[in-house]
C-alpha atoms as a PDB file:
ATOM      1  CA  MET A   1     136.958  77.388 122.693  1.00  0.00           C
ATOM      2  CA  LEU A   2     134.389  77.156 125.473  1.00  0.00           C
ATOM      3  CA  ARG A   3     132.650  80.280 124.120  1.00  0.00           C
ATOM      4  CA  SER A   4     132.380  78.700 120.676  1.00  0.00           C
ATOM      5  CA  ALA A   5     130.961  75.564 122.255  1.00  0.00           C
ATOM      6  CA  ALA A   6     128.429  77.613 124.216  1.00  0.00           C
ATOM      7  CA  LYS A   7     127.313  79.372 121.028  1.00  0.00           C
ATOM      8  CA  ALA A   8     126.793  75.936 119.484  1.00  0.00           C
ATOM      9  CA  ASN A   9     124.587  74.953 122.473  1.00  0.00           C
ATOM     10  CA  ILE A  10     127.134  72.511 123.871  1.00  0.00           C
ATOM     11  CA  ARG A  11     127.007  72.301 127.666  1.00  0.00           C
ATOM     12  CA  PRO A  12     130.298  72.748 129.539  1.00  0.00           C
ATOM     13  CA  ALA A  13     130.191  69.185 130.848  1.00  0.00           C
ATOM     14  CA  GLU A  14     129.951  67.881 127.269  1.00  0.00           C
ATOM     15  CA  PHE A  15     132.637  70.305 126.123  1.00  0.00           C
ATOM     16  CA  TRP A  16     135.240  69.004 128.564  1.00  0.00           C
ATOM     17  CA  GLU A  17     134.652  65.427 127.428  1.00  0.00           C
ATOM     18  CA  MET A  18     135.030  66.215 123.710  1.00  0.00           C
ATOM     19  CA  THR A  19     138.133  65.991 121.612  1.00  0.00           C
ATOM     20  CA  PRO A  20     139.043  69.077 119.575  1.00  0.00           C
ATOM     21  CA  ALA A  21     138.011  67.255 116.388  1.00  0.00           C
ATOM     22  CA  GLU A  22     134.564  66.482 117.838  1.00  0.00           C
ATOM     23  CA  LEU A  23     134.162  70.088 118.930  1.00  0.00           C
ATOM     24  CA  ILE A  24     135.062  71.369 115.458  1.00  0.00           C
ATOM     25  CA  ILE A  25     132.528  69.026 113.864  1.00  0.00           C
ATOM     26  CA  CYS A  26     129.773  70.151 116.232  1.00  0.00           C
ATOM     27  CA  VAL A  27     130.526  73.850 115.722  1.00  0.00           C
ATOM     28  CA  GLU A  28     130.687  73.414 111.924  1.00  0.00           C
ATOM     29  CA  GLN A  29     127.307  71.684 111.947  1.00  0.00           C
ATOM     30  CA  HIS A  30     125.859  74.434 114.094  1.00  0.00           C
ATOM     31  CA  VAL A  31     127.095  77.074 111.637  1.00  0.00           C
ATOM     32  CA  ALA A  32     125.761  75.067 108.676  1.00  0.00           C
ATOM     33  CA  ALA A  33     122.331  74.893 110.333  1.00  0.00           C
ATOM     34  CA  HIS A  34     122.320  78.670 110.761  1.00  0.00           C
ATOM     35  CA  ILE A  35     123.271  79.178 107.121  1.00  0.00           C
ATOM     36  CA  GLU A  36     120.408  76.927 106.011  1.00  0.00           C
ATOM     37  CA  SER A  37     118.024  78.865 108.238  1.00  0.00           C
ATOM     38  CA  PHE A  38     119.263  82.127 106.739  1.00  0.00           C
ATOM     39  CA  LYS A  39     118.784  80.746 103.211  1.00  0.00           C
ATOM     40  CA  GLU A  40     115.217  79.864 104.123  1.00  0.00           C
ATOM     41  CA  SER A  41     114.620  83.412 105.354  1.00  0.00           C
ATOM     42  CA  VAL A  42     116.081  84.862 102.158  1.00  0.00           C
ATOM     43  CA  THR A  43     113.846  82.581 100.099  1.00  0.00           C
ATOM     44  CA  VAL A  44     110.757  83.785 101.967  1.00  0.00           C
ATOM     45  CA  ALA A  45     111.788  87.414 101.499  1.00  0.00           C
ATOM     46  CA  TYR A  46     112.456  86.743  97.819  1.00  0.00           C
ATOM     47  CA  MET A  47     109.017  85.279  97.297  1.00  0.00           C
ATOM     48  CA  ASN A  48     107.341  88.138  99.160  1.00  0.00           C
ATOM     49  CA  ALA A  49     109.096  90.733  97.055  1.00  0.00           C
ATOM     50  CA  SER A  50     108.196  88.979  93.832  1.00  0.00           C
ATOM     51  CA  TRP A  51     104.530  88.796  94.788  1.00  0.00           C
ATOM     52  CA  HIS A  52     104.257  92.410  95.880  1.00  0.00           C
ATOM     53  CA  ARG A  53     106.163  94.752  93.637  1.00  0.00           C
ATOM     54  CA  ALA A  54     109.009  93.361  91.588  1.00  0.00           C
ATOM     55  CA  LYS A  55     108.812  93.709  87.842  1.00  0.00           C
ATOM     56  CA  LYS A  56     112.001  91.754  87.227  1.00  0.00           C
ATOM     57  CA  MET A  57     113.659  89.688  89.924  1.00  0.00           C
ATOM     58  CA  PRO A  58     117.171  88.286  89.951  1.00  0.00           C
ATOM     59  CA  ARG A  59     117.304  84.512  89.916  1.00  0.00           C
ATOM     60  CA  LEU A  60     116.921  83.026  93.390  1.00  0.00           C
ATOM     61  CA  GLU A  61     119.920  80.767  92.797  1.00  0.00           C
ATOM     62  CA  SER A  62     122.143  83.803  92.227  1.00  0.00           C
ATOM     63  CA  VAL A  63     120.907  85.404  95.457  1.00  0.00           C
ATOM     64  CA  LEU A  64     121.496  82.243  97.490  1.00  0.00           C
ATOM     65  CA  SER A  65     124.889  81.642  95.913  1.00  0.00           C
ATOM     66  CA  LYS A  66     126.073  84.967  97.326  1.00  0.00           C
ATOM     67  CA  ILE A  67     125.420  83.594 100.811  1.00  0.00           C
ATOM     68  CA  ASP A  68     127.690  80.637 100.058  1.00  0.00           C
ATOM     69  CA  GLY A  69     130.322  82.948  98.575  1.00  0.00           C
ATOM     70  CA  LYS A  70     129.945  81.524  95.094  1.00  0.00           C
ATOM     71  CA  VAL A  71     129.367  83.520  91.957  1.00  0.00           C
ATOM     72  CA  VAL A  72     126.836  82.052  89.583  1.00  0.00           C
ATOM     73  CA  ARG A  73     127.039  83.156  86.000  1.00  0.00           C
ATOM     74  CA  GLU A  74     124.316  82.247  83.618  1.00  0.00           C
ATOM     75  CA  LYS A  75     125.539  80.384  80.598  1.00  0.00           C
ATOM     76  CA  LYS A  76     124.924  82.248  77.388  1.00  0.00           C
ATOM     77  CA  LYS A  77     123.597  80.270  74.499  1.00  0.00           C
ATOM     78  CA  ALA A  78     125.839  80.417  71.438  1.00  0.00           C
ATOM     79  CA  GLN A  79     124.197  82.123  68.477  1.00  0.00           C
ATOM     80  CA  THR A  80     123.689  80.243  65.290  1.00  0.00           C
ATOM     81  CA  PRO A  81     124.911  81.800  62.034  1.00  0.00           C
ATOM     82  CA  GLU A  82     121.272  82.433  61.085  1.00  0.00           C
ATOM     83  CA  GLU A  83     120.643  84.349  64.313  1.00  0.00           C
ATOM     84  CA  MET A  84     123.779  86.426  63.768  1.00  0.00           C
ATOM     85  CA  MET A  85     122.686  87.249  60.227  1.00  0.00           C
ATOM     86  CA  ALA A  86     119.191  88.258  61.399  1.00  0.00           C
ATOM     87  CA  ILE A  87     120.651  90.608  64.017  1.00  0.00           C
ATOM     88  CA  ALA A  88     123.074  92.133  61.514  1.00  0.00           C
ATOM     89  CA  GLN A  89     120.230  92.706  59.055  1.00  0.00           C
ATOM     90  CA  ALA A  90     118.054  94.307  61.736  1.00  0.00           C
ATOM     91  CA  VAL A  91     120.881  96.663  62.783  1.00  0.00           C
ATOM     92  CA  THR A  92     121.590  97.572  59.150  1.00  0.00           C
ATOM     93  CA  LYS A  93     117.899  98.245  58.590  1.00  0.00           C
ATOM     94  CA  CYS A  94     117.746 100.523  61.652  1.00  0.00           C
ATOM     95  CA  PHE A  95     120.782 102.533  60.547  1.00  0.00           C
ATOM     96  CA  SER A  96     119.554 102.885  56.966  1.00  0.00           C
ATOM     97  CA  LYS A  97     116.182 104.273  58.171  1.00  0.00           C
ATOM     98  CA  ALA A  98     117.924 106.779  60.478  1.00  0.00           C
ATOM     99  CA  ARG A  99     119.421 108.710  57.564  1.00  0.00           C
END
Protein backbone atom coordinates (compact mmCIF):
# COMPACT_ATOMS: atom_id res chain seq x y z
CA MET A 1 0.00 0.00 0.00
CA LEU A 2 2.82 2.39 0.84
CA ARG A 3 4.40 1.72 -2.57
CA SER A 4 1.14 2.61 -4.31
CA ALA A 5 0.94 5.79 -2.26
CA ALA A 6 4.53 6.68 -3.16
CA LYS A 7 3.77 6.21 -6.86
CA ALA A 8 0.84 8.59 -6.42
CA ASN A 9 3.22 11.18 -4.86
CA ILE A 10 1.76 10.80 -1.38
CA ARG A 11 4.35 11.35 1.35
CA PRO A 12 4.65 8.66 4.02
CA ALA A 13 3.49 11.04 6.74
CA GLU A 14 0.30 11.73 4.78
CA PHE A 15 -0.12 8.03 4.01
CA TRP A 16 -0.19 7.00 7.66
CA GLU A 17 -2.88 9.56 8.43
CA MET A 18 -5.18 8.46 5.58
CA THR A 19 -7.99 5.99 5.72
CA PRO A 20 -7.95 3.21 3.12
CA ALA A 21 -10.87 4.86 1.31
CA GLU A 22 -8.97 8.17 1.07
CA LEU A 23 -5.90 6.36 -0.22
CA ILE A 24 -7.93 4.57 -2.90
CA ILE A 25 -9.46 7.86 -4.03
CA CYS A 26 -6.05 9.53 -4.27
CA VAL A 27 -4.50 6.63 -6.19
CA GLU A 28 -7.50 6.45 -8.57
CA GLN A 29 -7.19 10.16 -9.28
CA HIS A 30 -3.48 9.79 -9.89
CA VAL A 31 -4.12 6.99 -12.40
CA ALA A 32 -6.88 9.02 -14.09
CA ALA A 33 -4.48 11.96 -14.49
CA HIS A 34 -1.93 9.68 -16.15
CA ILE A 35 -4.56 8.31 -18.52
CA GLU A 36 -5.56 11.85 -19.52
CA SER A 37 -1.91 12.72 -20.11
CA PHE A 38 -1.51 9.62 -22.26
CA LYS A 39 -4.63 10.54 -24.26
CA GLU A 40 -3.12 13.96 -24.88
CA SER A 41 0.09 12.35 -26.14
CA VAL A 42 -1.87 10.04 -28.44
CA THR A 43 -3.80 13.02 -29.79
CA VAL A 44 -0.57 14.86 -30.59
CA ALA A 45 0.86 11.79 -32.31
CA TYR A 46 -2.39 11.36 -34.23
CA MET A 47 -2.29 14.91 -35.50
CA ASN A 48 1.37 14.63 -36.48
CA ALA A 49 0.75 11.48 -38.46
CA SER A 50 -2.21 12.99 -40.26
CA TRP A 51 -0.22 16.06 -41.26
CA HIS A 52 2.81 14.15 -42.50
CA ARG A 53 1.88 11.02 -44.37
CA ALA A 54 -1.50 9.47 -43.73
CA LYS A 55 -3.85 9.09 -46.64
CA LYS A 56 -6.68 7.74 -44.53
CA MET A 57 -6.66 7.94 -40.75
CA PRO A 58 -8.84 6.05 -38.31
CA ARG A 59 -11.16 8.26 -36.31
CA LEU A 60 -9.46 9.77 -33.27
CA GLU A 61 -12.38 8.75 -31.07
CA SER A 62 -11.85 5.09 -31.98
CA VAL A 63 -8.14 5.35 -31.12
CA LEU A 64 -8.82 7.01 -27.77
CA SER A 65 -11.61 4.58 -26.93
CA LYS A 66 -9.10 1.73 -27.09
CA ILE A 67 -7.21 3.38 -24.23
CA ASP A 68 -10.38 3.35 -22.13
CA GLY A 69 -11.07 -0.26 -23.11
CA LYS A 70 -14.22 0.62 -25.01
CA VAL A 71 -15.02 -0.42 -28.53
CA VAL A 72 -16.57 2.26 -30.67
CA ARG A 73 -18.52 1.12 -33.67
CA GLU A 74 -19.67 3.61 -36.20
CA LYS A 75 -23.38 3.54 -36.77
CA LYS A 76 -24.29 2.61 -40.30
CA LYS A 77 -26.98 4.62 -41.95
CA ALA A 78 -29.92 2.51 -43.11
CA GLN A 79 -30.35 2.50 -46.88
CA THR A 80 -33.51 3.78 -48.39
CA PRO A 81 -35.35 1.59 -50.91
CA GLU A 82 -34.23 3.97 -53.66
CA GLU A 83 -30.57 3.56 -52.68
CA MET A 84 -30.94 -0.22 -52.63
CA MET A 85 -32.52 -0.17 -56.09
CA ALA A 86 -29.73 2.05 -57.47
CA ILE A 87 -27.06 -0.31 -56.14
CA ALA A 88 -28.86 -3.36 -57.52
CA GLN A 89 -29.14 -1.69 -60.93
CA ALA A 90 -25.45 -0.74 -60.92
CA VAL A 91 -24.42 -4.32 -60.04
CA THR A 92 -26.71 -5.74 -62.73
CA LYS A 93 -25.27 -3.31 -65.25
CA CYS A 94 -21.70 -4.33 -64.35
CA PHE A 95 -22.46 -8.04 -64.71
CA SER A 96 -24.29 -7.59 -68.01
CA LYS A 97 -21.31 -5.70 -69.51
CA ALA A 98 -18.87 -8.41 -68.34
CA ARG A 99 -20.36 -11.02 -70.67
